[in-house]
Amino acid sequence: MKSAVIVFPGSNCDRDLAVALEQVSGTRPHMVWHRETALPDGVGLIAVPGGFSYGDYLRSGAMAANSPVMRAVKEAAERGVPVLGICNGFQILTEAGLLPGALMRNAGISFVCRDVPLMVENSQCAFTSRYEAGEEIMIPVAHHDGNYQADEATLDRLEGEGRVAFRYADEVNGSARRIAGIVSEAGNVLGMMPHPERMAEAAHGGTAGRRLFEGLIKAVG
């Protein structure tokens, strides 16, 4: 199974994400620079990593969302190719219109970096199939602009359609309804602020994040 990790100026979690994907799939992902206009042939999974693309200039993810490669990412998502956006990747996906809402400055106006408990809200999509609904897992966060916000109608729709994938068990950054991750209407795009790639092997202190990649790789085949 071919996968691709998109790399922007300021990405700093691209290697971590690539390592997690390779450990689970046995295949090294393609590292695709943001200036590319096409993805490698046969890519069955796209991952957008964390970091500070373009130094978070203007808004987090705003400039990266307009990079040349994002047109190819959007086209792939429309064809049903799974797309995973983590932290800055989540910000980029919202700015690109692949997911609703926006990631705002943390409510406490400070950088949050610690392990946090997450509730698995939806275990029926490819990204969460190795979890149980209602299960609590521990995953690290590291962000300054992770405060997920959307209008009430959008929030109600996300809840009603089962598109909230992860929810913070406790207050972390002011996110509406403590939302930590959501999926697209078609279910093939996931954006989440916590970093599962940083809890993917025993040396990290836990392997709860690894199950996300295991379920995803199995679903992609």
N, C-alpha and C. Protein backbone atom coordinates (compact mmCIF):
# COMPACT_ATOMS: atom_id res chain seq x y z
N MET A 1 0.84 -1.18 0.00
CA MET A 1 0.00 0.00 0.00
C MET A 1 0.89 1.25 0.00
N LYS A 2 0.70 2.10 -0.99
CA LYS A 2 1.47 3.33 -1.07
C LYS A 2 0.80 4.42 -0.24
N SER A 3 1.61 5.12 0.53
CA SER A 3 1.11 6.26 1.28
C SER A 3 2.00 7.45 0.99
N ALA A 4 1.49 8.64 1.28
CA ALA A 4 2.23 9.87 1.05
C ALA A 4 2.10 10.78 2.26
N VAL A 5 3.21 11.34 2.68
CA VAL A 5 3.23 12.36 3.73
C VAL A 5 3.57 13.68 3.06
N ILE A 6 2.68 14.65 3.19
CA ILE A 6 2.89 15.96 2.57
C ILE A 6 3.79 16.80 3.48
N VAL A 7 4.81 17.42 2.90
CA VAL A 7 5.78 18.19 3.68
C VAL A 7 5.75 19.66 3.25
N PHE A 8 5.57 20.53 4.21
CA PHE A 8 5.54 21.98 3.97
C PHE A 8 6.74 22.64 4.66
N PRO A 9 7.10 23.84 4.25
CA PRO A 9 8.10 24.58 5.02
C PRO A 9 7.56 24.80 6.44
N GLY A 10 8.27 24.33 7.43
CA GLY A 10 7.81 24.45 8.81
C GLY A 10 7.19 23.18 9.37
N SER A 11 6.97 22.16 8.53
CA SER A 11 6.52 20.87 9.07
C SER A 11 7.61 20.35 10.01
N ASN A 12 7.21 19.82 11.16
CA ASN A 12 8.24 19.23 12.05
C ASN A 12 7.83 17.88 12.61
N CYS A 13 6.71 17.35 12.14
CA CYS A 13 6.27 16.03 12.57
C CYS A 13 6.17 15.07 11.40
N ASP A 14 6.70 15.47 10.25
CA ASP A 14 6.59 14.64 9.05
C ASP A 14 7.34 13.32 9.21
N ARG A 15 8.54 13.36 9.78
CA ARG A 15 9.30 12.13 9.95
C ARG A 15 8.63 11.22 10.97
N ASP A 16 8.14 11.77 12.08
CA ASP A 16 7.44 10.96 13.09
C ASP A 16 6.26 10.23 12.46
N LEU A 17 5.51 10.94 11.64
CA LEU A 17 4.34 10.36 10.99
C LEU A 17 4.75 9.28 10.00
N ALA A 18 5.82 9.54 9.25
CA ALA A 18 6.30 8.56 8.28
C ALA A 18 6.78 7.29 8.98
N VAL A 19 7.46 7.45 10.11
CA VAL A 19 7.95 6.30 10.86
C VAL A 19 6.78 5.45 11.35
N ALA A 20 5.74 6.09 11.89
CA ALA A 20 4.58 5.35 12.38
C ALA A 20 3.90 4.58 11.26
N LEU A 21 3.75 5.21 10.10
CA LEU A 21 3.13 4.55 8.96
C LEU A 21 3.97 3.38 8.47
N GLU A 22 5.28 3.57 8.43
CA GLU A 22 6.16 2.50 7.96
C GLU A 22 6.16 1.32 8.92
N GLN A 23 6.16 1.59 10.21
CA GLN A 23 6.17 0.51 11.19
C GLN A 23 4.93 -0.36 11.08
N VAL A 24 3.79 0.26 10.79
CA VAL A 24 2.54 -0.50 10.72
C VAL A 24 2.35 -1.16 9.36
N SER A 25 2.69 -0.43 8.29
CA SER A 25 2.43 -0.95 6.94
C SER A 25 3.58 -1.77 6.37
N GLY A 26 4.79 -1.52 6.87
CA GLY A 26 5.96 -2.19 6.32
C GLY A 26 6.48 -1.54 5.06
N THR A 27 5.88 -0.43 4.66
CA THR A 27 6.27 0.27 3.44
C THR A 27 6.58 1.72 3.77
N ARG A 28 7.70 2.21 3.29
CA ARG A 28 8.08 3.59 3.56
C ARG A 28 7.19 4.55 2.76
N PRO A 29 6.60 5.54 3.40
CA PRO A 29 5.76 6.50 2.68
C PRO A 29 6.57 7.38 1.74
N HIS A 30 5.93 7.89 0.71
CA HIS A 30 6.53 8.90 -0.15
C HIS A 30 6.46 10.24 0.58
N MET A 31 7.56 10.96 0.63
CA MET A 31 7.57 12.30 1.22
C MET A 31 7.37 13.28 0.06
N VAL A 32 6.24 13.96 0.06
CA VAL A 32 5.85 14.79 -1.08
C VAL A 32 5.96 16.26 -0.69
N TRP A 33 6.83 16.99 -1.36
CA TRP A 33 7.06 18.41 -1.10
C TRP A 33 5.86 19.23 -1.55
N HIS A 34 5.60 20.30 -0.84
CA HIS A 34 4.38 21.10 -1.07
C HIS A 34 4.30 21.71 -2.46
N ARG A 35 5.42 21.85 -3.15
CA ARG A 35 5.40 22.45 -4.48
C ARG A 35 5.02 21.45 -5.58
N GLU A 36 4.97 20.18 -5.25
CA GLU A 36 4.56 19.20 -6.25
C GLU A 36 3.11 19.43 -6.66
N THR A 37 2.81 19.14 -7.91
CA THR A 37 1.45 19.34 -8.40
C THR A 37 0.69 18.04 -8.56
N ALA A 38 1.35 16.92 -8.28
CA ALA A 38 0.70 15.62 -8.39
C ALA A 38 1.24 14.70 -7.30
N LEU A 39 0.42 13.73 -6.93
CA LEU A 39 0.84 12.72 -5.98
C LEU A 39 1.40 11.52 -6.73
N PRO A 40 2.23 10.71 -6.09
CA PRO A 40 2.73 9.49 -6.74
C PRO A 40 1.57 8.60 -7.19
N ASP A 41 1.73 7.93 -8.30
CA ASP A 41 0.69 7.03 -8.79
C ASP A 41 0.36 5.95 -7.77
N GLY A 42 -0.92 5.67 -7.63
CA GLY A 42 -1.34 4.57 -6.78
C GLY A 42 -1.35 4.84 -5.30
N VAL A 43 -1.22 6.09 -4.89
CA VAL A 43 -1.24 6.41 -3.46
C VAL A 43 -2.64 6.12 -2.90
N GLY A 44 -2.66 5.32 -1.82
CA GLY A 44 -3.93 4.95 -1.23
C GLY A 44 -4.20 5.60 0.10
N LEU A 45 -3.27 6.42 0.58
CA LEU A 45 -3.42 7.11 1.86
C LEU A 45 -2.56 8.35 1.86
N ILE A 46 -3.12 9.47 2.29
CA ILE A 46 -2.40 10.74 2.36
C ILE A 46 -2.40 11.22 3.80
N ALA A 47 -1.24 11.63 4.30
CA ALA A 47 -1.13 12.12 5.66
C ALA A 47 -0.53 13.53 5.65
N VAL A 48 -1.16 14.43 6.38
CA VAL A 48 -0.71 15.82 6.47
C VAL A 48 -0.24 16.03 7.91
N PRO A 49 1.05 16.25 8.12
CA PRO A 49 1.63 16.22 9.47
C PRO A 49 1.48 17.53 10.24
N GLY A 50 1.90 17.45 11.50
CA GLY A 50 1.91 18.62 12.35
C GLY A 50 3.14 19.48 12.13
N GLY A 51 3.15 20.61 12.80
CA GLY A 51 4.26 21.55 12.67
C GLY A 51 3.74 22.98 12.61
N PHE A 52 4.47 23.82 11.93
CA PHE A 52 4.11 25.23 11.83
C PHE A 52 4.32 25.67 10.38
N SER A 53 3.51 25.11 9.48
CA SER A 53 3.68 25.40 8.06
C SER A 53 3.69 26.90 7.81
N TYR A 54 4.72 27.35 7.06
CA TYR A 54 4.90 28.77 6.76
C TYR A 54 4.95 29.61 8.02
N GLY A 55 5.39 29.02 9.13
CA GLY A 55 5.50 29.76 10.38
C GLY A 55 4.17 30.23 10.93
N ASP A 56 3.07 29.58 10.52
CA ASP A 56 1.72 29.98 10.94
C ASP A 56 1.41 31.43 10.53
N TYR A 57 2.06 31.88 9.47
CA TYR A 57 1.83 33.26 9.00
C TYR A 57 0.39 33.40 8.55
N LEU A 58 -0.20 34.55 8.75
CA LEU A 58 -1.61 34.87 8.49
C LEU A 58 -2.49 34.13 9.49
N ARG A 59 -2.75 32.84 9.24
CA ARG A 59 -3.47 31.95 10.16
C ARG A 59 -2.83 30.58 10.03
N SER A 60 -2.91 29.80 11.10
CA SER A 60 -2.33 28.46 11.05
C SER A 60 -2.95 27.65 9.91
N GLY A 61 -2.12 27.20 8.99
CA GLY A 61 -2.58 26.36 7.88
C GLY A 61 -3.09 27.11 6.68
N ALA A 62 -3.26 28.43 6.77
CA ALA A 62 -3.89 29.19 5.70
C ALA A 62 -3.05 29.19 4.42
N MET A 63 -1.76 29.42 4.55
CA MET A 63 -0.91 29.45 3.37
C MET A 63 -0.69 28.05 2.81
N ALA A 64 -0.48 27.08 3.70
CA ALA A 64 -0.28 25.71 3.25
C ALA A 64 -1.48 25.18 2.48
N ALA A 65 -2.68 25.61 2.87
CA ALA A 65 -3.89 25.14 2.20
C ALA A 65 -3.93 25.55 0.74
N ASN A 66 -3.14 26.56 0.38
CA ASN A 66 -3.10 27.05 -1.00
C ASN A 66 -1.84 26.61 -1.73
N SER A 67 -1.09 25.69 -1.14
CA SER A 67 0.09 25.15 -1.82
C SER A 67 -0.34 24.33 -3.04
N PRO A 68 0.52 24.24 -4.06
CA PRO A 68 0.18 23.49 -5.27
C PRO A 68 -0.29 22.06 -5.01
N VAL A 69 0.35 21.36 -4.07
CA VAL A 69 0.01 19.95 -3.85
C VAL A 69 -1.39 19.76 -3.31
N MET A 70 -1.94 20.78 -2.67
CA MET A 70 -3.25 20.61 -2.04
C MET A 70 -4.37 20.41 -3.06
N ARG A 71 -4.18 20.88 -4.28
CA ARG A 71 -5.19 20.59 -5.30
C ARG A 71 -5.27 19.10 -5.55
N ALA A 72 -4.11 18.45 -5.61
CA ALA A 72 -4.08 17.00 -5.81
C ALA A 72 -4.65 16.27 -4.60
N VAL A 73 -4.38 16.79 -3.40
CA VAL A 73 -4.93 16.18 -2.18
C VAL A 73 -6.45 16.27 -2.19
N LYS A 74 -6.99 17.42 -2.56
CA LYS A 74 -8.44 17.59 -2.63
C LYS A 74 -9.06 16.64 -3.64
N GLU A 75 -8.44 16.53 -4.80
CA GLU A 75 -8.97 15.65 -5.83
C GLU A 75 -8.95 14.19 -5.37
N ALA A 76 -7.88 13.81 -4.67
CA ALA A 76 -7.81 12.45 -4.15
C ALA A 76 -8.88 12.20 -3.10
N ALA A 77 -9.09 13.18 -2.22
CA ALA A 77 -10.12 13.04 -1.19
C ALA A 77 -11.50 12.89 -1.82
N GLU A 78 -11.74 13.63 -2.88
CA GLU A 78 -13.04 13.54 -3.57
C GLU A 78 -13.24 12.17 -4.20
N ARG A 79 -12.14 11.49 -4.54
CA ARG A 79 -12.23 10.13 -5.09
C ARG A 79 -12.38 9.08 -4.00
N GLY A 80 -12.30 9.51 -2.74
CA GLY A 80 -12.44 8.59 -1.64
C GLY A 80 -11.16 8.13 -0.99
N VAL A 81 -10.01 8.67 -1.43
CA VAL A 81 -8.73 8.31 -0.81
C VAL A 81 -8.71 8.84 0.63
N PRO A 82 -8.35 8.01 1.60
CA PRO A 82 -8.29 8.49 2.98
C PRO A 82 -7.22 9.57 3.16
N VAL A 83 -7.57 10.61 3.91
CA VAL A 83 -6.66 11.71 4.21
C VAL A 83 -6.67 11.92 5.72
N LEU A 84 -5.50 11.89 6.32
CA LEU A 84 -5.35 12.09 7.76
C LEU A 84 -4.57 13.37 8.00
N GLY A 85 -5.15 14.29 8.75
CA GLY A 85 -4.48 15.54 9.11
C GLY A 85 -4.32 15.63 10.61
N ILE A 86 -3.09 15.78 11.07
CA ILE A 86 -2.80 15.81 12.50
C ILE A 86 -2.25 17.18 12.89
N CYS A 87 -2.86 17.81 13.90
CA CYS A 87 -2.43 19.09 14.44
C CYS A 87 -2.42 20.16 13.34
N ASN A 88 -1.25 20.61 12.90
CA ASN A 88 -1.22 21.58 11.80
C ASN A 88 -1.90 21.01 10.56
N GLY A 89 -1.85 19.68 10.41
CA GLY A 89 -2.55 19.05 9.30
C GLY A 89 -4.05 19.24 9.39
N PHE A 90 -4.60 19.20 10.59
CA PHE A 90 -6.03 19.46 10.82
C PHE A 90 -6.33 20.91 10.44
N GLN A 91 -5.47 21.82 10.87
CA GLN A 91 -5.66 23.23 10.53
C GLN A 91 -5.66 23.42 9.01
N ILE A 92 -4.75 22.75 8.33
CA ILE A 92 -4.66 22.86 6.86
C ILE A 92 -5.92 22.32 6.21
N LEU A 93 -6.44 21.20 6.69
CA LEU A 93 -7.63 20.60 6.09
C LEU A 93 -8.85 21.49 6.26
N THR A 94 -8.96 22.18 7.39
CA THR A 94 -10.10 23.10 7.54
C THR A 94 -9.94 24.31 6.64
N GLU A 95 -8.72 24.84 6.55
CA GLU A 95 -8.47 25.99 5.69
C GLU A 95 -8.69 25.63 4.21
N ALA A 96 -8.44 24.38 3.85
CA ALA A 96 -8.61 23.93 2.47
C ALA A 96 -10.06 23.57 2.16
N GLY A 97 -10.93 23.58 3.15
CA GLY A 97 -12.33 23.26 2.93
C GLY A 97 -12.64 21.78 2.92
N LEU A 98 -11.67 20.94 3.31
CA LEU A 98 -11.92 19.50 3.35
C LEU A 98 -12.66 19.09 4.62
N LEU A 99 -12.62 19.95 5.62
CA LEU A 99 -13.36 19.73 6.86
C LEU A 99 -13.97 21.06 7.29
N PRO A 100 -15.12 21.03 7.96
CA PRO A 100 -15.77 22.27 8.39
C PRO A 100 -15.14 22.83 9.66
N GLY A 101 -15.41 24.09 9.92
CA GLY A 101 -14.95 24.72 11.14
C GLY A 101 -13.58 25.35 11.00
N ALA A 102 -13.03 25.77 12.13
CA ALA A 102 -11.73 26.44 12.14
C ALA A 102 -11.04 26.16 13.46
N LEU A 103 -9.71 26.21 13.44
CA LEU A 103 -8.90 26.05 14.65
C LEU A 103 -8.40 27.42 15.08
N MET A 104 -8.82 27.84 16.25
CA MET A 104 -8.52 29.17 16.76
C MET A 104 -7.44 29.10 17.84
N ARG A 105 -6.98 30.28 18.27
CA ARG A 105 -6.01 30.37 19.37
C ARG A 105 -6.59 29.70 20.61
N ASN A 106 -5.76 28.96 21.34
CA ASN A 106 -6.21 28.29 22.55
C ASN A 106 -6.86 29.29 23.50
N ALA A 107 -7.86 28.84 24.20
CA ALA A 107 -8.60 29.73 25.10
C ALA A 107 -7.71 30.34 26.16
N GLY A 108 -6.69 29.61 26.59
CA GLY A 108 -5.79 30.14 27.61
C GLY A 108 -4.67 30.98 27.05
N ILE A 109 -4.66 31.20 25.72
CA ILE A 109 -3.63 31.99 25.04
C ILE A 109 -2.23 31.47 25.37
N SER A 110 -2.10 30.17 25.47
CA SER A 110 -0.79 29.59 25.75
C SER A 110 -0.64 28.27 25.01
N PHE A 111 0.60 27.89 24.76
CA PHE A 111 0.90 26.63 24.10
C PHE A 111 0.62 25.49 25.07
N VAL A 112 -0.10 24.47 24.59
CA VAL A 112 -0.44 23.32 25.42
C VAL A 112 0.37 22.13 24.92
N CYS A 113 1.14 21.51 25.81
CA CYS A 113 1.98 20.37 25.42
C CYS A 113 1.97 19.36 26.55
N ARG A 114 1.15 18.33 26.42
CA ARG A 114 1.08 17.29 27.46
C ARG A 114 0.24 16.13 26.93
N ASP A 115 0.30 15.02 27.63
CA ASP A 115 -0.59 13.91 27.32
C ASP A 115 -1.98 14.26 27.84
N VAL A 116 -3.00 13.96 27.04
CA VAL A 116 -4.36 14.26 27.46
C VAL A 116 -5.24 13.03 27.22
N PRO A 117 -6.25 12.83 28.07
CA PRO A 117 -7.19 11.73 27.84
C PRO A 117 -8.22 12.12 26.77
N LEU A 118 -8.43 11.21 25.84
CA LEU A 118 -9.42 11.40 24.78
C LEU A 118 -10.50 10.36 24.89
N MET A 119 -11.71 10.74 24.57
CA MET A 119 -12.81 9.80 24.45
C MET A 119 -13.02 9.48 22.98
N VAL A 120 -13.10 8.19 22.67
CA VAL A 120 -13.41 7.76 21.31
C VAL A 120 -14.92 7.85 21.13
N GLU A 121 -15.37 8.73 20.27
CA GLU A 121 -16.79 8.96 20.09
C GLU A 121 -17.39 8.09 18.98
N ASN A 122 -16.58 7.79 17.97
CA ASN A 122 -17.06 7.04 16.80
C ASN A 122 -16.03 5.98 16.47
N SER A 123 -16.42 4.72 16.54
CA SER A 123 -15.50 3.64 16.22
C SER A 123 -15.87 2.96 14.90
N GLN A 124 -16.68 3.64 14.10
CA GLN A 124 -17.23 3.02 12.89
C GLN A 124 -16.53 3.46 11.61
N CYS A 125 -15.53 4.33 11.70
CA CYS A 125 -14.82 4.75 10.48
C CYS A 125 -13.46 4.07 10.43
N ALA A 126 -12.82 4.16 9.28
CA ALA A 126 -11.54 3.47 9.08
C ALA A 126 -10.49 3.92 10.09
N PHE A 127 -10.54 5.17 10.49
CA PHE A 127 -9.53 5.73 11.38
C PHE A 127 -9.67 5.23 12.82
N THR A 128 -10.86 4.82 13.20
CA THR A 128 -11.12 4.50 14.61
C THR A 128 -11.57 3.06 14.81
N SER A 129 -11.46 2.23 13.80
CA SER A 129 -12.03 0.88 13.87
C SER A 129 -11.36 -0.02 14.90
N ARG A 130 -10.14 0.32 15.33
CA ARG A 130 -9.44 -0.48 16.34
C ARG A 130 -9.73 -0.02 17.77
N TYR A 131 -10.66 0.94 17.90
CA TYR A 131 -11.06 1.41 19.22
C TYR A 131 -12.51 1.01 19.50
N GLU A 132 -12.89 1.12 20.74
CA GLU A 132 -14.27 0.92 21.14
C GLU A 132 -14.91 2.28 21.41
N ALA A 133 -16.15 2.45 20.97
CA ALA A 133 -16.86 3.70 21.25
C ALA A 133 -16.96 3.87 22.77
N GLY A 134 -16.62 5.06 23.23
CA GLY A 134 -16.65 5.34 24.65
C GLY A 134 -15.34 5.03 25.36
N GLU A 135 -14.39 4.44 24.65
CA GLU A 135 -13.09 4.12 25.24
C GLU A 135 -12.29 5.40 25.49
N GLU A 136 -11.55 5.41 26.58
CA GLU A 136 -10.67 6.54 26.88
C GLU A 136 -9.24 6.14 26.57
N ILE A 137 -8.55 6.96 25.81
CA ILE A 137 -7.15 6.70 25.46
C ILE A 137 -6.33 7.93 25.80
N MET A 138 -5.03 7.75 25.94
CA MET A 138 -4.13 8.86 26.26
C MET A 138 -3.25 9.16 25.05
N ILE A 139 -3.34 10.39 24.55
CA ILE A 139 -2.59 10.82 23.37
C ILE A 139 -2.01 12.21 23.64
N PRO A 140 -0.79 12.50 23.21
CA PRO A 140 -0.20 13.82 23.44
C PRO A 140 -0.81 14.91 22.57
N VAL A 141 -0.82 16.12 23.08
CA VAL A 141 -1.13 17.31 22.28
C VAL A 141 0.05 18.26 22.36
N ALA A 142 0.19 19.10 21.35
CA ALA A 142 1.23 20.13 21.34
C ALA A 142 0.80 21.19 20.35
N HIS A 143 0.06 22.19 20.83
CA HIS A 143 -0.46 23.20 19.91
C HIS A 143 -0.75 24.52 20.63
N HIS A 144 -0.79 25.55 19.81
CA HIS A 144 -1.13 26.89 20.30
C HIS A 144 -2.47 27.34 19.72
N ASP A 145 -2.86 26.71 18.62
CA ASP A 145 -4.10 27.09 17.93
C ASP A 145 -4.93 25.82 17.68
N GLY A 146 -5.37 25.21 18.77
CA GLY A 146 -6.12 23.96 18.65
C GLY A 146 -7.56 24.05 19.09
N ASN A 147 -8.03 25.27 19.27
CA ASN A 147 -9.38 25.54 19.77
C ASN A 147 -10.38 25.40 18.62
N TYR A 148 -10.99 24.22 18.49
CA TYR A 148 -11.91 23.97 17.37
C TYR A 148 -13.22 24.71 17.58
N GLN A 149 -13.62 25.46 16.55
CA GLN A 149 -14.87 26.22 16.62
C GLN A 149 -15.64 26.09 15.31
N ALA A 150 -16.95 26.08 15.42
CA ALA A 150 -17.86 26.09 14.26
C ALA A 150 -19.19 26.64 14.75
N ASP A 151 -20.04 27.05 13.83
CA ASP A 151 -21.35 27.55 14.24
C ASP A 151 -22.18 26.40 14.82
N GLU A 152 -23.20 26.76 15.56
CA GLU A 152 -24.00 25.74 16.25
C GLU A 152 -24.64 24.74 15.30
N ALA A 153 -25.09 25.21 14.14
CA ALA A 153 -25.71 24.30 13.17
C ALA A 153 -24.70 23.25 12.70
N THR A 154 -23.46 23.69 12.45
CA THR A 154 -22.42 22.75 12.02
C THR A 154 -22.09 21.78 13.13
N LEU A 155 -21.97 22.28 14.36
CA LEU A 155 -21.68 21.40 15.49
C LEU A 155 -22.79 20.37 15.68
N ASP A 156 -24.04 20.81 15.57
CA ASP A 156 -25.16 19.87 15.71
C ASP A 156 -25.13 18.82 14.61
N ARG A 157 -24.78 19.25 13.40
CA ARG A 157 -24.71 18.30 12.28
C ARG A 157 -23.59 17.27 12.50
N LEU A 158 -22.43 17.74 12.95
CA LEU A 158 -21.33 16.83 13.24
C LEU A 158 -21.72 15.80 14.29
N GLU A 159 -22.38 16.28 15.33
CA GLU A 159 -22.81 15.37 16.40
C GLU A 159 -23.87 14.39 15.88
N GLY A 160 -24.86 14.93 15.17
CA GLY A 160 -25.97 14.10 14.70
C GLY A 160 -25.56 13.05 13.69
N GLU A 161 -24.53 13.37 12.89
CA GLU A 161 -24.07 12.44 11.87
C GLU A 161 -22.95 11.53 12.36
N GLY A 162 -22.62 11.63 13.64
CA GLY A 162 -21.57 10.78 14.20
C GLY A 162 -20.19 11.10 13.67
N ARG A 163 -19.95 12.35 13.35
CA ARG A 163 -18.70 12.73 12.72
C ARG A 163 -17.67 13.28 13.72
N VAL A 164 -18.02 13.33 14.99
CA VAL A 164 -17.03 13.64 16.02
C VAL A 164 -16.30 12.35 16.34
N ALA A 165 -15.05 12.27 15.96
CA ALA A 165 -14.27 11.04 16.16
C ALA A 165 -13.68 10.97 17.55
N PHE A 166 -13.13 12.09 18.02
CA PHE A 166 -12.48 12.14 19.33
C PHE A 166 -12.92 13.39 20.07
N ARG A 167 -13.04 13.24 21.39
CA ARG A 167 -13.41 14.37 22.24
C ARG A 167 -12.48 14.38 23.45
N TYR A 168 -12.03 15.58 23.82
CA TYR A 168 -11.21 15.68 25.02
C TYR A 168 -12.04 15.27 26.23
N ALA A 169 -11.49 14.43 27.08
CA ALA A 169 -12.20 14.02 28.28
C ALA A 169 -12.27 15.17 29.28
N ASP A 170 -11.28 16.06 29.23
CA ASP A 170 -11.23 17.22 30.11
C ASP A 170 -11.04 18.48 29.26
N GLU A 171 -11.20 19.62 29.85
CA GLU A 171 -10.96 20.88 29.14
C GLU A 171 -9.48 21.01 28.81
N VAL A 172 -9.17 21.29 27.53
CA VAL A 172 -7.78 21.40 27.10
C VAL A 172 -7.48 22.77 26.49
N ASN A 173 -8.31 23.21 25.57
CA ASN A 173 -7.97 24.43 24.82
C ASN A 173 -9.17 25.32 24.48
N GLY A 174 -10.33 24.99 25.02
CA GLY A 174 -11.52 25.78 24.74
C GLY A 174 -12.34 25.31 23.57
N SER A 175 -11.97 24.18 22.95
CA SER A 175 -12.68 23.68 21.78
C SER A 175 -14.17 23.52 22.07
N ALA A 176 -15.00 23.91 21.12
CA ALA A 176 -16.44 23.75 21.25
C ALA A 176 -16.77 22.29 21.51
N ARG A 177 -17.55 22.06 22.52
CA ARG A 177 -17.99 20.72 22.91
C ARG A 177 -16.81 19.76 23.12
N ARG A 178 -15.66 20.32 23.42
CA ARG A 178 -14.42 19.57 23.67
C ARG A 178 -14.03 18.67 22.48
N ILE A 179 -14.35 19.11 21.28
CA ILE A 179 -14.05 18.33 20.08
C ILE A 179 -12.55 18.32 19.83
N ALA A 180 -12.00 17.11 19.63
CA ALA A 180 -10.57 16.95 19.37
C ALA A 180 -10.29 16.43 17.97
N GLY A 181 -11.30 15.85 17.31
CA GLY A 181 -11.11 15.33 15.96
C GLY A 181 -12.44 15.04 15.29
N ILE A 182 -12.52 15.33 14.00
CA ILE A 182 -13.74 15.12 13.25
C ILE A 182 -13.44 14.44 11.92
N VAL A 183 -14.46 13.81 11.34
CA VAL A 183 -14.32 13.20 10.02
C VAL A 183 -15.23 13.93 9.03
N SER A 184 -14.90 13.78 7.77
CA SER A 184 -15.69 14.39 6.70
C SER A 184 -17.02 13.67 6.53
N GLU A 185 -17.90 14.26 5.74
CA GLU A 185 -19.21 13.66 5.51
C GLU A 185 -19.08 12.27 4.90
N ALA A 186 -18.11 12.09 4.01
CA ALA A 186 -17.90 10.79 3.37
C ALA A 186 -17.13 9.83 4.27
N GLY A 187 -16.55 10.33 5.36
CA GLY A 187 -15.85 9.48 6.31
C GLY A 187 -14.42 9.15 5.96
N ASN A 188 -13.89 9.72 4.86
CA ASN A 188 -12.53 9.37 4.45
C ASN A 188 -11.49 10.43 4.78
N VAL A 189 -11.90 11.51 5.45
CA VAL A 189 -10.96 12.56 5.87
C VAL A 189 -11.10 12.73 7.38
N LEU A 190 -10.00 12.62 8.09
CA LEU A 190 -9.99 12.84 9.54
C LEU A 190 -9.01 13.95 9.87
N GLY A 191 -9.46 14.90 10.66
CA GLY A 191 -8.58 15.91 11.22
C GLY A 191 -8.62 15.80 12.74
N MET A 192 -7.46 15.80 13.37
CA MET A 192 -7.40 15.72 14.83
C MET A 192 -6.22 16.52 15.34
N MET A 193 -6.38 17.17 16.48
CA MET A 193 -5.28 17.94 17.05
C MET A 193 -4.28 17.07 17.80
N PRO A 194 -4.69 16.06 18.57
CA PRO A 194 -3.70 15.20 19.25
C PRO A 194 -2.83 14.43 18.27
N HIS A 195 -1.67 13.97 18.75
CA HIS A 195 -0.66 13.33 17.92
C HIS A 195 -0.59 11.82 18.16
N PRO A 196 -1.32 11.01 17.42
CA PRO A 196 -1.23 9.55 17.63
C PRO A 196 0.15 8.99 17.29
N GLU A 197 0.89 9.65 16.38
CA GLU A 197 2.21 9.16 16.01
C GLU A 197 3.20 9.28 17.15
N ARG A 198 2.86 10.08 18.17
CA ARG A 198 3.73 10.22 19.33
C ARG A 198 3.36 9.27 20.45
N MET A 199 2.43 8.37 20.19
CA MET A 199 2.05 7.33 21.14
C MET A 199 1.83 6.04 20.36
N ALA A 200 2.86 5.72 19.54
CA ALA A 200 2.71 4.60 18.61
C ALA A 200 3.63 3.43 18.91
N GLU A 201 4.49 3.55 19.92
CA GLU A 201 5.36 2.45 20.28
C GLU A 201 5.65 2.53 21.77
N ALA A 202 6.05 1.40 22.36
CA ALA A 202 6.20 1.32 23.81
C ALA A 202 7.16 2.37 24.35
N ALA A 203 8.20 2.70 23.58
CA ALA A 203 9.18 3.69 24.04
C ALA A 203 8.55 5.06 24.24
N HIS A 204 7.40 5.30 23.64
CA HIS A 204 6.71 6.58 23.81
C HIS A 204 5.94 6.63 25.13
N GLY A 205 5.81 5.49 25.78
CA GLY A 205 5.04 5.45 27.01
C GLY A 205 3.65 4.87 26.83
N GLY A 206 3.34 4.43 25.62
CA GLY A 206 2.04 3.84 25.33
C GLY A 206 1.89 3.61 23.84
N THR A 207 0.90 2.81 23.47
CA THR A 207 0.71 2.48 22.06
C THR A 207 -0.72 2.75 21.59
N ALA A 208 -1.45 3.59 22.31
CA ALA A 208 -2.83 3.87 21.93
C ALA A 208 -2.93 4.48 20.54
N GLY A 209 -1.96 5.29 20.17
CA GLY A 209 -1.99 5.92 18.86
C GLY A 209 -1.75 4.94 17.72
N ARG A 210 -1.00 3.89 17.99
CA ARG A 210 -0.67 2.91 16.95
C ARG A 210 -1.94 2.26 16.38
N ARG A 211 -2.94 2.09 17.23
CA ARG A 211 -4.17 1.43 16.77
C ARG A 211 -4.89 2.23 15.69
N LEU A 212 -4.74 3.55 15.72
CA LEU A 212 -5.33 4.35 14.64
C LEU A 212 -4.70 3.97 13.32
N PHE A 213 -3.38 3.87 13.29
CA PHE A 213 -2.69 3.52 12.05
C PHE A 213 -2.96 2.07 11.63
N GLU A 214 -3.06 1.19 12.59
CA GLU A 214 -3.37 -0.21 12.27
C GLU A 214 -4.73 -0.35 11.61
N GLY A 215 -5.72 0.31 12.17
CA GLY A 215 -7.06 0.25 11.58
C GLY A 215 -7.11 0.88 10.21
N LEU A 216 -6.40 1.97 10.06
CA LEU A 216 -6.40 2.68 8.79
C LEU A 216 -5.71 1.86 7.71
N ILE A 217 -4.55 1.29 8.02
CA ILE A 217 -3.83 0.49 7.04
C ILE A 217 -4.65 -0.74 6.64
N LYS A 218 -5.31 -1.36 7.61
CA LYS A 218 -6.14 -2.52 7.31
C LYS A 218 -7.30 -2.14 6.38
N ALA A 219 -7.91 -0.99 6.64
CA ALA A 219 -9.03 -0.56 5.81
C ALA A 219 -8.60 -0.23 4.39
N VAL A 220 -7.42 0.36 4.26
CA VAL A 220 -6.93 0.73 2.94
C VAL A 220 -6.49 -0.51 2.18
N GLY A 221 -5.99 -1.47 2.90
CA GLY A 221 -5.57 -2.73 2.26
C GLY A 221 -4.21 -2.65 1.66
